[in-house]
C-alpha atoms as a PDB file:
ATOM      1  CA  MET A   1     -77.166  -5.524 139.499  1.00  0.00           C
ATOM      2  CA  ALA A   2     -77.906  -7.655 142.442  1.00  0.00           C
ATOM      3  CA  THR A   3     -76.389  -7.134 145.604  1.00  0.00           C
ATOM      4  CA  GLU A   4     -76.326  -9.745 148.715  1.00  0.00           C
ATOM      5  CA  LEU A   5     -75.564  -7.684 151.420  1.00  0.00           C
ATOM      6  CA  ALA A   6     -75.731 -10.880 153.921  1.00  0.00           C
ATOM      7  CA  PRO A   7     -76.225 -14.413 153.139  1.00  0.00           C
ATOM      8  CA  GLY A   8     -80.340 -14.693 151.783  1.00  0.00           C
ATOM      9  CA  LEU A   9     -80.580 -10.910 151.899  1.00  0.00           C
ATOM     10  CA  ILE A  10     -80.569  -9.381 148.421  1.00  0.00           C
ATOM     11  CA  HIS A  11     -80.512  -5.802 147.409  1.00  0.00           C
ATOM     12  CA  HIS A  12     -82.203  -5.439 143.585  1.00  0.00           C
ATOM     13  CA  PRO A  13     -81.200  -1.430 142.806  1.00  0.00           C
ATOM     14  CA  GLY A  14     -83.970   0.302 140.304  1.00  0.00           C
ATOM     15  CA  PHE A  15     -85.851  -3.511 140.107  1.00  0.00           C
ATOM     16  CA  LEU A  16     -88.997  -1.366 138.735  1.00  0.00           C
ATOM     17  CA  ASP A  17     -87.885   1.250 135.855  1.00  0.00           C
ATOM     18  CA  PRO A  18     -89.960   4.566 136.000  1.00  0.00           C
ATOM     19  CA  ALA A  19     -92.875   2.975 133.736  1.00  0.00           C
ATOM     20  CA  ALA A  20     -92.910   0.676 136.311  1.00  0.00           C
ATOM     21  CA  ARG A  21     -93.130   2.888 139.438  1.00  0.00           C
ATOM     22  CA  LEU A  22     -95.769   4.718 137.523  1.00  0.00           C
ATOM     23  CA  ARG A  23     -98.128   2.125 136.962  1.00  0.00           C
ATOM     24  CA  LEU A  24     -97.473   0.689 140.945  1.00  0.00           C
ATOM     25  CA  ALA A  25     -98.146   4.398 142.602  1.00  0.00           C
ATOM     26  CA  GLU A  26    -101.199   3.905 140.279  1.00  0.00           C
ATOM     27  CA  GLN A  27    -102.333   0.498 141.913  1.00  0.00           C
ATOM     28  CA  VAL A  28    -101.590   1.570 145.040  1.00  0.00           C
ATOM     29  CA  ALA A  29    -103.279   4.469 144.490  1.00  0.00           C
ATOM     30  CA  ALA A  30    -106.736   2.808 143.969  1.00  0.00           C
ATOM     31  CA  ILE A  31    -106.310   0.462 146.805  1.00  0.00           C
ATOM     32  CA  LEU A  32    -105.793   2.843 149.184  1.00  0.00           C
ATOM     33  CA  GLU A  33    -108.866   4.352 147.665  1.00  0.00           C
ATOM     34  CA  ALA A  34    -110.961   1.294 148.698  1.00  0.00           C
ATOM     35  CA  ALA A  35    -108.933   0.622 151.997  1.00  0.00           C
ATOM     36  CA  PRO A  36    -108.105   3.756 153.319  1.00  0.00           C
ATOM     37  CA  PRO A  37    -104.713   3.808 155.620  1.00  0.00           C
ATOM     38  CA  PHE A  38    -105.228   3.808 159.064  1.00  0.00           C
ATOM     39  CA  ALA A  39    -102.812   4.017 162.063  1.00  0.00           C
ATOM     40  CA  PRO A  40    -101.407   0.242 163.765  1.00  0.00           C
ATOM     41  CA  ARG A  41    -100.897   0.885 167.399  1.00  0.00           C
ATOM     42  CA  MET A  42     -98.441  -1.151 169.708  1.00  0.00           C
ATOM     43  CA  PRO A  43     -99.495  -3.757 171.542  1.00  0.00           C
ATOM     44  CA  ARG A  44    -100.460  -2.997 175.286  1.00  0.00           C
ATOM     45  CA  THR A  45     -99.807   0.588 174.848  1.00  0.00           C
ATOM     46  CA  GLY A  46    -101.999   1.535 172.369  1.00  0.00           C
ATOM     47  CA  LYS A  47     -99.442   4.213 171.209  1.00  0.00           C
ATOM     48  CA  PRO A  48     -99.945   4.623 167.329  1.00  0.00           C
ATOM     49  CA  PHE A  49     -96.613   4.075 165.000  1.00  0.00           C
ATOM     50  CA  SER A  50     -95.664   6.465 162.958  1.00  0.00           C
ATOM     51  CA  VAL A  51     -96.288   4.699 159.572  1.00  0.00           C
ATOM     52  CA  ARG A  52     -99.790   4.670 158.237  1.00  0.00           C
ATOM     53  CA  MET A  53    -100.601   1.479 156.715  1.00  0.00           C
ATOM     54  CA  SER A  54    -103.267  -0.509 154.998  1.00  0.00           C
ATOM     55  CA  ASN A  55    -102.838  -4.103 152.905  1.00  0.00           C
ATOM     56  CA  ALA A  56    -104.008  -5.582 150.053  1.00  0.00           C
ATOM     57  CA  GLY A  57    -104.055  -9.636 149.370  1.00  0.00           C
ATOM     58  CA  PRO A  58    -106.540 -12.218 151.048  1.00  0.00           C
ATOM     59  CA  LEU A  59    -105.113 -11.547 154.331  1.00  0.00           C
ATOM     60  CA  GLY A  60    -104.016  -8.033 155.794  1.00  0.00           C
ATOM     61  CA  TRP A  61    -101.384  -7.524 158.723  1.00  0.00           C
ATOM     62  CA  VAL A  62    -102.815  -5.003 161.555  1.00  0.00           C
ATOM     63  CA  SER A  63    -101.631  -4.224 165.198  1.00  0.00           C
ATOM     64  CA  ASP A  64    -103.436  -3.197 168.289  1.00  0.00           C
ATOM     65  CA  ARG A  65    -103.294  -3.702 171.825  1.00  0.00           C
ATOM     66  CA  ASN A  66    -103.937  -7.626 171.219  1.00  0.00           C
ATOM     67  CA  GLY A  67    -100.791  -7.861 169.664  1.00  0.00           C
ATOM     68  CA  TYR A  68     -99.813  -8.310 165.437  1.00  0.00           C
ATOM     69  CA  ARG A  69    -101.676 -10.739 163.339  1.00  0.00           C
ATOM     70  CA  TYR A  70    -103.324 -11.267 159.907  1.00  0.00           C
ATOM     71  CA  GLN A  71    -106.678 -10.788 159.100  1.00  0.00           C
ATOM     72  CA  ALA A  72    -108.967 -10.980 156.179  1.00  0.00           C
ATOM     73  CA  THR A  73    -110.926  -7.491 156.908  1.00  0.00           C
ATOM     74  CA  HIS A  74    -109.827  -4.057 157.152  1.00  0.00           C
ATOM     75  CA  PRO A  75    -109.825  -3.300 160.715  1.00  0.00           C
ATOM     76  CA  GLU A  76    -112.065   0.212 160.313  1.00  0.00           C
ATOM     77  CA  THR A  77    -114.032  -0.264 157.460  1.00  0.00           C
ATOM     78  CA  GLY A  78    -114.414  -4.063 158.153  1.00  0.00           C
ATOM     79  CA  ARG A  79    -114.683  -5.107 154.642  1.00  0.00           C
ATOM     80  CA  PRO A  80    -112.160  -7.552 152.957  1.00  0.00           C
ATOM     81  CA  TRP A  81    -108.613  -5.894 151.486  1.00  0.00           C
ATOM     82  CA  PRO A  82    -108.405  -5.379 147.727  1.00  0.00           C
ATOM     83  CA  ALA A  83    -106.460  -7.568 145.463  1.00  0.00           C
ATOM     84  CA  ILE A  84    -102.646  -7.637 145.201  1.00  0.00           C
ATOM     85  CA  PRO A  85    -101.393  -5.090 142.803  1.00  0.00           C
ATOM     86  CA  PRO A  86    -100.532  -6.795 139.433  1.00  0.00           C
ATOM     87  CA  THR A  87     -97.035  -5.423 139.583  1.00  0.00           C
ATOM     88  CA  ALA A  88     -96.084  -6.267 142.832  1.00  0.00           C
ATOM     89  CA  LEU A  89     -97.215 -10.004 142.267  1.00  0.00           C
ATOM     90  CA  ALA A  90     -95.062  -9.965 138.795  1.00  0.00           C
ATOM     91  CA  ALA A  91     -92.401  -9.139 141.492  1.00  0.00           C
ATOM     92  CA  TRP A  92     -93.123 -11.846 143.637  1.00  0.00           C
ATOM     93  CA  GLU A  93     -92.847 -14.263 140.818  1.00  0.00           C
ATOM     94  CA  ALA A  94     -89.400 -12.650 139.591  1.00  0.00           C
ATOM     95  CA  LEU A  95     -87.767 -12.795 143.129  1.00  0.00           C
ATOM     96  CA  ALA A  96     -89.201 -14.552 145.838  1.00  0.00           C
ATOM     97  CA  ARG A  97     -88.062 -18.392 143.967  1.00  0.00           C
ATOM     98  CA  TYR A  98     -91.157 -19.635 145.818  1.00  0.00           C
ATOM     99  CA  PRO A  99     -93.478 -22.220 144.992  1.00  0.00           C
ATOM    100  CA  ALA A 100     -96.796 -20.257 146.261  1.00  0.00           C
ATOM    101  CA  LEU A 101     -98.221 -17.102 145.649  1.00  0.00           C
ATOM    102  CA  PRO A 102     -98.072 -14.257 148.479  1.00  0.00           C
ATOM    103  CA  GLU A 103    -100.990 -13.848 150.127  1.00  0.00           C
ATOM    104  CA  ALA A 104    -100.200 -10.317 151.947  1.00  0.00           C
ATOM    105  CA  CYS A 105     -99.037  -7.603 150.726  1.00  0.00           C
ATOM    106  CA  LEU A 106     -98.384  -4.661 153.101  1.00  0.00           C
ATOM    107  CA  ILE A 107     -98.490  -0.798 151.962  1.00  0.00           C
ATOM    108  CA  ASN A 108     -96.768   1.405 155.018  1.00  0.00           C
ATOM    109  CA  LEU A 109     -96.772   5.078 154.039  1.00  0.00           C
ATOM    110  CA  TYR A 110     -93.728   7.411 155.778  1.00  0.00           C
ATOM    111  CA  ASP A 111     -93.664  10.798 156.028  1.00  0.00           C
ATOM    112  CA  PRO A 112     -90.793  12.798 155.619  1.00  0.00           C
ATOM    113  CA  ALA A 113     -90.226  12.042 159.614  1.00  0.00           C
ATOM    114  CA  ALA A 114     -91.576   8.583 159.987  1.00  0.00           C
ATOM    115  CA  ARG A 115     -89.401   6.159 160.683  1.00  0.00           C
ATOM    116  CA  MET A 116     -89.109   2.058 161.260  1.00  0.00           C
ATOM    117  CA  GLY A 117     -87.950   0.508 164.228  1.00  0.00           C
ATOM    118  CA  LEU A 118     -85.964  -2.474 164.263  1.00  0.00           C
ATOM    119  CA  HIS A 119     -88.108  -5.689 164.114  1.00  0.00           C
ATOM    120  CA  GLN A 120     -88.279  -8.991 162.798  1.00  0.00           C
ATOM    121  CA  ASP A 121     -91.314 -10.591 160.607  1.00  0.00           C
ATOM    122  CA  ARG A 122     -92.227 -13.680 162.141  1.00  0.00           C
ATOM    123  CA  ASP A 123     -95.617 -13.509 161.960  1.00  0.00           C
ATOM    124  CA  GLU A 124     -95.859 -15.957 159.301  1.00  0.00           C
ATOM    125  CA  ALA A 125     -96.026 -19.967 159.251  1.00  0.00           C
ATOM    126  CA  ASP A 126     -93.403 -20.785 157.127  1.00  0.00           C
ATOM    127  CA  PHE A 127     -89.967 -19.018 157.286  1.00  0.00           C
ATOM    128  CA  SER A 128     -88.832 -20.333 153.799  1.00  0.00           C
ATOM    129  CA  ALA A 129     -91.019 -18.237 151.877  1.00  0.00           C
ATOM    130  CA  PRO A 130     -88.782 -14.714 151.788  1.00  0.00           C
ATOM    131  CA  VAL A 131     -90.031 -11.237 152.387  1.00  0.00           C
ATOM    132  CA  VAL A 132     -90.241  -9.503 148.605  1.00  0.00           C
ATOM    133  CA  SER A 133     -89.922  -5.071 149.424  1.00  0.00           C
ATOM    134  CA  LEU A 134     -90.742  -2.691 146.886  1.00  0.00           C
ATOM    135  CA  SER A 135     -89.919   1.190 147.422  1.00  0.00           C
ATOM    136  CA  VAL A 136     -91.227   3.895 145.851  1.00  0.00           C
ATOM    137  CA  GLY A 137     -91.300   7.807 146.662  1.00  0.00           C
ATOM    138  CA  ALA A 138     -88.272   9.219 148.538  1.00  0.00           C
ATOM    139  CA  PRO A 139     -85.052   7.754 149.503  1.00  0.00           C
ATOM    140  CA  ALA A 140     -84.751   5.857 152.905  1.00  0.00           C
ATOM    141  CA  LEU A 141     -81.793   4.348 154.927  1.00  0.00           C
ATOM    142  CA  PHE A 142     -82.595   0.653 155.639  1.00  0.00           C
ATOM    143  CA  ARG A 143     -80.532  -0.533 158.557  1.00  0.00           C
ATOM    144  CA  TYR A 144     -80.576  -4.398 159.078  1.00  0.00           C
ATOM    145  CA  GLY A 145     -78.649  -6.781 161.923  1.00  0.00           C
ATOM    146  CA  GLY A 146     -78.879 -10.467 162.849  1.00  0.00           C
ATOM    147  CA  LEU A 147     -81.126 -12.807 164.607  1.00  0.00           C
ATOM    148  CA  HIS A 148     -81.042 -10.687 168.099  1.00  0.00           C
ATOM    149  CA  ARG A 149     -81.189  -7.087 168.703  1.00  0.00           C
ATOM    150  CA  THR A 150     -78.384  -6.628 170.123  1.00  0.00           C
ATOM    151  CA  ASP A 151     -76.516  -7.566 166.958  1.00  0.00           C
ATOM    152  CA  PRO A 152     -74.160  -4.948 164.912  1.00  0.00           C
ATOM    153  CA  THR A 153     -75.980  -3.230 162.130  1.00  0.00           C
ATOM    154  CA  ARG A 154     -75.257  -2.071 158.802  1.00  0.00           C
ATOM    155  CA  SER A 155     -77.145   0.037 156.587  1.00  0.00           C
ATOM    156  CA  VAL A 156     -77.836   0.649 152.514  1.00  0.00           C
ATOM    157  CA  ARG A 157     -80.059   3.691 150.881  1.00  0.00           C
ATOM    158  CA  LEU A 158     -83.372   2.780 149.179  1.00  0.00           C
ATOM    159  CA  LEU A 159     -84.162   4.184 146.124  1.00  0.00           C
ATOM    160  CA  ALA A 160     -87.452   4.567 144.412  1.00  0.00           C
ATOM    161  CA  GLY A 161     -87.858   1.411 142.445  1.00  0.00           C
ATOM    162  CA  ASP A 162     -85.415  -0.468 144.345  1.00  0.00           C
ATOM    163  CA  ALA A 163     -86.662  -4.011 145.710  1.00  0.00           C
ATOM    164  CA  VAL A 164     -85.021  -6.036 148.570  1.00  0.00           C
ATOM    165  CA  VAL A 165     -85.616 -10.162 149.210  1.00  0.00           C
ATOM    166  CA  ILE A 166     -84.976 -11.477 152.935  1.00  0.00           C
ATOM    167  CA  GLY A 167     -84.916 -14.703 152.748  1.00  0.00           C
ATOM    168  CA  GLY A 168     -82.781 -17.530 153.460  1.00  0.00           C
ATOM    169  CA  ALA A 169     -80.875 -17.257 156.518  1.00  0.00           C
ATOM    170  CA  SER A 170     -81.220 -13.380 156.727  1.00  0.00           C
ATOM    171  CA  ARG A 171     -85.290 -14.462 157.021  1.00  0.00           C
ATOM    172  CA  LEU A 172     -85.399 -13.557 160.531  1.00  0.00           C
ATOM    173  CA  ILE A 173     -82.432 -10.830 160.913  1.00  0.00           C
ATOM    174  CA  PHE A 174     -83.840  -7.338 162.078  1.00  0.00           C
ATOM    175  CA  HIS A 175     -84.110  -4.967 160.425  1.00  0.00           C
ATOM    176  CA  GLY A 176     -85.848  -1.347 160.112  1.00  0.00           C
ATOM    177  CA  ILE A 177     -85.792   2.129 158.376  1.00  0.00           C
ATOM    178  CA  ASP A 178     -83.640   4.512 159.969  1.00  0.00           C
ATOM    179  CA  ARG A 179     -84.607   7.783 158.236  1.00  0.00           C
ATOM    180  CA  LEU A 180     -85.851   9.305 154.453  1.00  0.00           C
ATOM    181  CA  TYR A 181     -84.222  11.874 152.172  1.00  0.00           C
ATOM    182  CA  ARG A 182     -84.692  14.852 150.053  1.00  0.00           C
ATOM    183  CA  SER A 183     -85.739  13.994 146.627  1.00  0.00           C
ATOM    184  CA  ALA A 184     -86.466  15.757 143.676  1.00  0.00           C
ATOM    185  CA  ASP A 185     -87.615  12.305 142.023  1.00  0.00           C
ATOM    186  CA  GLN A 186     -90.991  12.160 143.033  1.00  0.00           C
ATOM    187  CA  LEU A 187     -92.611  12.379 139.273  1.00  0.00           C
ATOM    188  CA  VAL A 188     -93.858   9.264 138.932  1.00  0.00           C
ATOM    189  CA  GLU A 189     -95.399   9.018 142.330  1.00  0.00           C
ATOM    190  CA  LEU A 190     -98.091  11.477 141.838  1.00  0.00           C
ATOM    191  CA  PRO A 191    -100.871   9.147 141.608  1.00  0.00           C
ATOM    192  CA  LEU A 192    -100.307   8.758 145.271  1.00  0.00           C
ATOM    193  CA  THR A 193     -99.957  12.164 146.300  1.00  0.00           C
ATOM    194  CA  ARG A 194    -103.583  12.263 148.640  1.00  0.00           C
ATOM    195  CA  PHE A 195    -101.931   9.570 150.718  1.00  0.00           C
ATOM    196  CA  LEU A 196     -98.444  10.855 150.725  1.00  0.00           C
ATOM    197  CA  PRO A 197     -96.932  14.147 151.367  1.00  0.00           C
ATOM    198  CA  ALA A 198     -94.142  15.611 149.412  1.00  0.00           C
ATOM    199  CA  GLY A 199     -91.113  13.698 150.144  1.00  0.00           C
ATOM    200  CA  GLY A 200     -92.857  10.856 151.788  1.00  0.00           C
ATOM    201  CA  ARG A 201     -92.199   7.161 151.235  1.00  0.00           C
ATOM    202  CA  CYS A 202     -94.161   4.450 150.281  1.00  0.00           C
ATOM    203  CA  ASN A 203     -92.642   0.837 150.970  1.00  0.00           C
ATOM    204  CA  LEU A 204     -94.869  -2.397 150.345  1.00  0.00           C
ATOM    205  CA  THR A 205     -93.894  -5.790 151.984  1.00  0.00           C
ATOM    206  CA  LEU A 206     -95.515  -9.265 150.004  1.00  0.00           C
ATOM    207  CA  ARG A 207     -95.721 -12.106 152.292  1.00  0.00           C
ATOM    208  CA  ARG A 208     -96.435 -15.694 152.685  1.00  0.00           C
ATOM    209  CA  VAL A 209     -98.872 -16.108 155.846  1.00  0.00           C
ATOM    210  CA  SER A 210     -99.627 -19.890 155.818  1.00  0.00           C
ATOM    211  CA  ASP A 211     -97.445 -22.774 154.874  1.00  0.00           C
ATOM    212  CA  ARG A 212     -97.892 -24.927 151.781  1.00  0.00           C
ATOM    213  CA  THR A 213    -100.272 -27.159 153.338  1.00  0.00           C
ATOM    214  CA  GLY A 214    -102.461 -23.955 154.258  1.00  0.00           C
ATOM    215  CA  ARG A 215    -101.782 -23.711 158.099  1.00  0.00           C
ATOM    216  CA  PRO A 216    -101.826 -19.908 159.424  1.00  0.00           C
ATOM    217  CA  GLY A 217     -99.165 -18.372 161.339  1.00  0.00           C
ATOM    218  CA  GLU A 218     -99.822 -17.907 164.825  1.00  0.00           C
ATOM    219  CA  PRO A 219    -100.389 -14.209 166.106  1.00  0.00           C
ATOM    220  CA  GLY A 220     -97.630 -13.142 167.725  1.00  0.00           C
ATOM    221  CA  LEU A 221     -96.707 -10.183 170.106  1.00  0.00           C
ATOM    222  CA  PRO A 222     -93.494  -7.864 170.296  1.00  0.00           C
ATOM    223  CA  ILE A 223     -89.824  -9.397 170.018  1.00  0.00           C
ATOM    224  CA  SER A 224     -87.985  -8.163 172.835  1.00  0.00           C
END
């Protein structure tokens, strides 16, 4: 049963059953064969993230010394991104309640020690479109706060197959991943073992980049 963690922040436990998780894992593995994972880097400093990533869709999110932005090609191969996996598109259509398809599907790969610091998703043009998140692999502790970095935070454990919708009044909240947990329930993620170590996690976030008129978002820099 879905739980509203905050206005517009909806947790859907077990949204993907084991069969759907297996399909998604197979689809993501095929994408990673065509668009190999890379290490994004912090703007200005060039420090690599602890999370590796790739993308699917017309646009992909990248980060390097020049800032955060969306672009149509892989930063290392120069090739266009593969199409968004059908299982992820179906999740968007079921959960987003937005009259246009996503243009970007970020694929974040966490090894057991990886983390994602508190951040906002704000490189898009229309914040009325939610971000839809899908989890595969090891459970993770998802931390979320308010519209300012210093606002109080709360946490919820996300399991394989869970979906989260970040929209409405919560569209610009700060959020991140504090840690991963050990789990024996990894069998359906076997297609990803070439890219995801034992105890790792794969997270997909589906995003609409341009607004309904097609105006793109502006390149961004870190939000302090």
